[in-house]
Amino acid sequence: MIKPPRPGEQLRAMVQVRLIAQPEVQRRIAESPRNAPVVGPAKRHERDDKGRSWDIDELSGGAGLERTFRTIVDSLRDSYDLD
């Protein structure tokens, strides 16, 4: 399957926006903007058995959000390649 390529910074921003939109994150930010989680960079790797060629594994300030973060990242990995 050919997936549209996106620059790493765009992929990182897409994950960031989707994560910030989550209700739990919105509650944290309402308490203090400093509680906003920050997504790390997209990193290229060899294409895996699911056809994914990149990943993001860094999430600062995201304790308790790991499952949501992983779901967002994996969904975008299924849809886009790293440019």
N, C-alpha and C. Protein backbone atom coordinates (compact mmCIF):
# COMPACT_ATOMS: atom_id res chain seq x y z
N MET A 1 0.84 -1.18 0.00
CA MET A 1 0.00 0.00 0.00
C MET A 1 0.89 1.24 0.00
N ILE A 2 0.63 2.12 -0.91
CA ILE A 2 1.37 3.38 -0.98
C ILE A 2 0.64 4.40 -0.12
N LYS A 3 1.39 4.97 0.82
CA LYS A 3 0.82 5.96 1.73
C LYS A 3 1.43 7.32 1.40
N PRO A 4 0.66 8.39 1.56
CA PRO A 4 1.23 9.71 1.28
C PRO A 4 2.34 10.03 2.28
N PRO A 5 3.46 10.57 1.80
CA PRO A 5 4.54 10.95 2.70
C PRO A 5 4.29 12.30 3.35
N ARG A 6 4.76 12.45 4.57
CA ARG A 6 4.66 13.71 5.30
C ARG A 6 5.99 13.97 5.99
N PRO A 7 6.40 15.23 6.09
CA PRO A 7 7.63 15.54 6.84
C PRO A 7 7.47 15.16 8.31
N GLY A 8 8.59 14.83 8.94
CA GLY A 8 8.57 14.43 10.34
C GLY A 8 7.92 15.45 11.25
N GLU A 9 8.19 16.72 11.03
CA GLU A 9 7.61 17.76 11.89
C GLU A 9 6.09 17.82 11.72
N GLN A 10 5.61 17.58 10.52
CA GLN A 10 4.16 17.57 10.31
C GLN A 10 3.53 16.37 11.01
N LEU A 11 4.16 15.22 10.95
CA LEU A 11 3.63 14.04 11.65
C LEU A 11 3.61 14.29 13.15
N ARG A 12 4.69 14.86 13.68
CA ARG A 12 4.75 15.18 15.10
C ARG A 12 3.62 16.14 15.47
N ALA A 13 3.41 17.15 14.66
CA ALA A 13 2.35 18.14 14.93
C ALA A 13 0.96 17.50 14.85
N MET A 14 0.77 16.58 13.93
CA MET A 14 -0.52 15.90 13.80
C MET A 14 -0.83 15.09 15.06
N VAL A 15 0.18 14.40 15.57
CA VAL A 15 0.00 13.65 16.82
C VAL A 15 -0.28 14.61 17.96
N GLN A 16 0.48 15.70 18.04
CA GLN A 16 0.32 16.69 19.11
C GLN A 16 -1.11 17.25 19.13
N VAL A 17 -1.60 17.65 17.97
CA VAL A 17 -2.95 18.24 17.88
C VAL A 17 -4.01 17.23 18.32
N ARG A 18 -3.90 16.01 17.85
CA ARG A 18 -4.89 14.98 18.20
C ARG A 18 -4.84 14.66 19.70
N LEU A 19 -3.64 14.65 20.26
CA LEU A 19 -3.51 14.37 21.69
C LEU A 19 -4.10 15.51 22.52
N ILE A 20 -3.78 16.74 22.16
CA ILE A 20 -4.29 17.90 22.90
C ILE A 20 -5.82 17.96 22.84
N ALA A 21 -6.41 17.44 21.77
CA ALA A 21 -7.87 17.46 21.62
C ALA A 21 -8.59 16.47 22.53
N GLN A 22 -7.87 15.55 23.14
CA GLN A 22 -8.49 14.54 24.01
C GLN A 22 -9.06 15.19 25.28
N PRO A 23 -10.25 14.78 25.71
CA PRO A 23 -10.87 15.39 26.89
C PRO A 23 -10.00 15.36 28.15
N GLU A 24 -9.30 14.26 28.39
CA GLU A 24 -8.44 14.17 29.57
C GLU A 24 -7.33 15.22 29.51
N VAL A 25 -6.77 15.40 28.33
CA VAL A 25 -5.70 16.40 28.16
C VAL A 25 -6.28 17.81 28.33
N GLN A 26 -7.44 18.03 27.79
CA GLN A 26 -8.09 19.34 27.94
C GLN A 26 -8.33 19.67 29.42
N ARG A 27 -8.71 18.67 30.21
CA ARG A 27 -8.90 18.90 31.65
C ARG A 27 -7.57 19.27 32.31
N ARG A 28 -6.50 18.57 31.93
CA ARG A 28 -5.18 18.87 32.50
C ARG A 28 -4.75 20.30 32.15
N ILE A 29 -4.96 20.67 30.90
CA ILE A 29 -4.55 22.00 30.45
C ILE A 29 -5.39 23.07 31.13
N ALA A 30 -6.66 22.78 31.38
CA ALA A 30 -7.52 23.75 32.06
C ALA A 30 -7.00 24.04 33.47
N GLU A 31 -6.43 23.03 34.11
CA GLU A 31 -5.84 23.22 35.44
C GLU A 31 -4.61 24.11 35.35
N SER A 32 -3.78 23.85 34.33
CA SER A 32 -2.58 24.65 34.10
C SER A 32 -2.04 24.34 32.71
N PRO A 33 -1.78 25.35 31.90
CA PRO A 33 -1.21 25.11 30.57
C PRO A 33 0.12 24.35 30.62
N ARG A 34 0.80 24.44 31.73
CA ARG A 34 2.07 23.71 31.87
C ARG A 34 1.86 22.20 31.91
N ASN A 35 0.61 21.75 32.08
CA ASN A 35 0.31 20.32 32.12
C ASN A 35 0.16 19.71 30.73
N ALA A 36 0.31 20.51 29.68
CA ALA A 36 0.16 19.99 28.32
C ALA A 36 1.29 19.03 27.99
N PRO A 37 0.97 17.83 27.52
CA PRO A 37 2.01 16.90 27.11
C PRO A 37 2.68 17.39 25.82
N VAL A 38 3.92 16.99 25.63
CA VAL A 38 4.68 17.39 24.45
C VAL A 38 5.17 16.12 23.74
N VAL A 39 4.84 16.03 22.47
CA VAL A 39 5.19 14.88 21.64
C VAL A 39 6.60 15.07 21.08
N GLY A 40 7.38 13.98 21.09
CA GLY A 40 8.73 14.01 20.55
C GLY A 40 8.75 13.88 19.04
N PRO A 41 9.95 13.80 18.47
CA PRO A 41 10.10 13.75 17.01
C PRO A 41 9.73 12.40 16.41
N ALA A 42 9.34 12.45 15.14
CA ALA A 42 9.11 11.23 14.36
C ALA A 42 10.47 10.69 13.93
N LYS A 43 10.64 9.38 14.07
CA LYS A 43 11.91 8.74 13.72
C LYS A 43 11.67 7.64 12.70
N ARG A 44 12.48 7.67 11.67
CA ARG A 44 12.40 6.66 10.61
C ARG A 44 12.97 5.32 11.09
N HIS A 45 12.40 4.23 10.60
CA HIS A 45 12.95 2.90 10.81
C HIS A 45 12.63 2.05 9.60
N GLU A 46 13.22 0.90 9.52
CA GLU A 46 12.93 -0.02 8.41
C GLU A 46 11.44 -0.38 8.45
N ARG A 47 10.84 -0.50 7.27
CA ARG A 47 9.42 -0.83 7.19
C ARG A 47 9.17 -2.15 7.91
N ASP A 48 8.17 -2.14 8.81
CA ASP A 48 7.87 -3.35 9.57
C ASP A 48 6.82 -4.19 8.86
N ASP A 49 6.37 -5.27 9.51
CA ASP A 49 5.41 -6.19 8.88
C ASP A 49 4.03 -5.56 8.66
N LYS A 50 3.76 -4.44 9.30
CA LYS A 50 2.49 -3.73 9.08
C LYS A 50 2.65 -2.59 8.07
N GLY A 51 3.84 -2.47 7.48
CA GLY A 51 4.07 -1.46 6.46
C GLY A 51 4.39 -0.08 7.03
N ARG A 52 4.74 -0.01 8.29
CA ARG A 52 5.03 1.26 8.94
C ARG A 52 6.53 1.54 8.89
N SER A 53 6.88 2.78 8.56
CA SER A 53 8.29 3.12 8.38
C SER A 53 8.79 4.19 9.36
N TRP A 54 7.99 4.53 10.33
CA TRP A 54 8.39 5.55 11.30
C TRP A 54 7.65 5.33 12.61
N ASP A 55 8.11 6.03 13.65
CA ASP A 55 7.46 5.94 14.96
C ASP A 55 7.78 7.20 15.77
N ILE A 56 7.00 7.43 16.78
CA ILE A 56 7.27 8.44 17.79
C ILE A 56 7.17 7.73 19.12
N ASP A 57 8.24 7.79 19.91
CA ASP A 57 8.21 7.09 21.19
C ASP A 57 8.40 8.02 22.39
N GLU A 58 8.58 9.31 22.13
CA GLU A 58 8.77 10.26 23.22
C GLU A 58 7.49 11.03 23.50
N LEU A 59 7.12 11.08 24.77
CA LEU A 59 5.97 11.85 25.21
C LEU A 59 6.31 12.43 26.58
N SER A 60 6.59 13.72 26.61
CA SER A 60 6.91 14.39 27.87
C SER A 60 5.63 14.89 28.53
N GLY A 61 5.53 14.69 29.83
CA GLY A 61 4.37 15.17 30.56
C GLY A 61 3.09 14.43 30.24
N GLY A 62 3.22 13.19 29.80
CA GLY A 62 2.04 12.44 29.38
C GLY A 62 1.74 11.23 30.24
N ALA A 63 2.11 11.27 31.51
CA ALA A 63 1.83 10.14 32.39
C ALA A 63 0.33 9.83 32.38
N GLY A 64 0.00 8.57 32.16
CA GLY A 64 -1.39 8.14 32.12
C GLY A 64 -2.02 8.27 30.74
N LEU A 65 -1.30 8.83 29.79
CA LEU A 65 -1.84 9.02 28.44
C LEU A 65 -1.19 8.10 27.42
N GLU A 66 -0.39 7.16 27.89
CA GLU A 66 0.40 6.32 26.99
C GLU A 66 -0.47 5.55 25.99
N ARG A 67 -1.55 4.99 26.45
CA ARG A 67 -2.41 4.21 25.54
C ARG A 67 -3.05 5.10 24.48
N THR A 68 -3.55 6.24 24.88
CA THR A 68 -4.15 7.19 23.94
C THR A 68 -3.10 7.67 22.93
N PHE A 69 -1.92 8.02 23.44
CA PHE A 69 -0.81 8.46 22.59
C PHE A 69 -0.46 7.38 21.57
N ARG A 70 -0.32 6.15 22.02
CA ARG A 70 0.07 5.05 21.13
C ARG A 70 -1.00 4.82 20.07
N THR A 71 -2.27 4.92 20.43
CA THR A 71 -3.37 4.74 19.47
C THR A 71 -3.31 5.80 18.38
N ILE A 72 -3.06 7.04 18.77
CA ILE A 72 -2.96 8.14 17.81
C ILE A 72 -1.77 7.93 16.89
N VAL A 73 -0.61 7.64 17.46
CA VAL A 73 0.60 7.44 16.65
C VAL A 73 0.39 6.29 15.67
N ASP A 74 -0.10 5.16 16.15
CA ASP A 74 -0.26 4.00 15.28
C ASP A 74 -1.27 4.25 14.16
N SER A 75 -2.30 4.99 14.44
CA SER A 75 -3.28 5.33 13.41
C SER A 75 -2.62 6.16 12.30
N LEU A 76 -1.82 7.13 12.69
CA LEU A 76 -1.13 7.95 11.69
C LEU A 76 -0.04 7.16 10.97
N ARG A 77 0.60 6.24 11.66
CA ARG A 77 1.61 5.38 11.02
C ARG A 77 0.96 4.52 9.94
N ASP A 78 -0.29 4.12 10.17
CA ASP A 78 -1.01 3.33 9.17
C ASP A 78 -1.40 4.17 7.95
N SER A 79 -1.51 5.48 8.13
CA SER A 79 -2.01 6.35 7.08
C SER A 79 -0.94 7.09 6.29
N TYR A 80 0.23 7.33 6.92
CA TYR A 80 1.27 8.15 6.29
C TYR A 80 2.64 7.53 6.44
N ASP A 81 3.49 7.83 5.46
CA ASP A 81 4.92 7.50 5.56
C ASP A 81 5.66 8.77 5.94
N LEU A 82 6.86 8.57 6.50
CA LEU A 82 7.73 9.69 6.82
C LEU A 82 8.44 10.11 5.53
N ASP A 83 8.38 11.38 5.21
CA ASP A 83 8.99 11.94 4.00
C ASP A 83 10.50 11.98 4.14
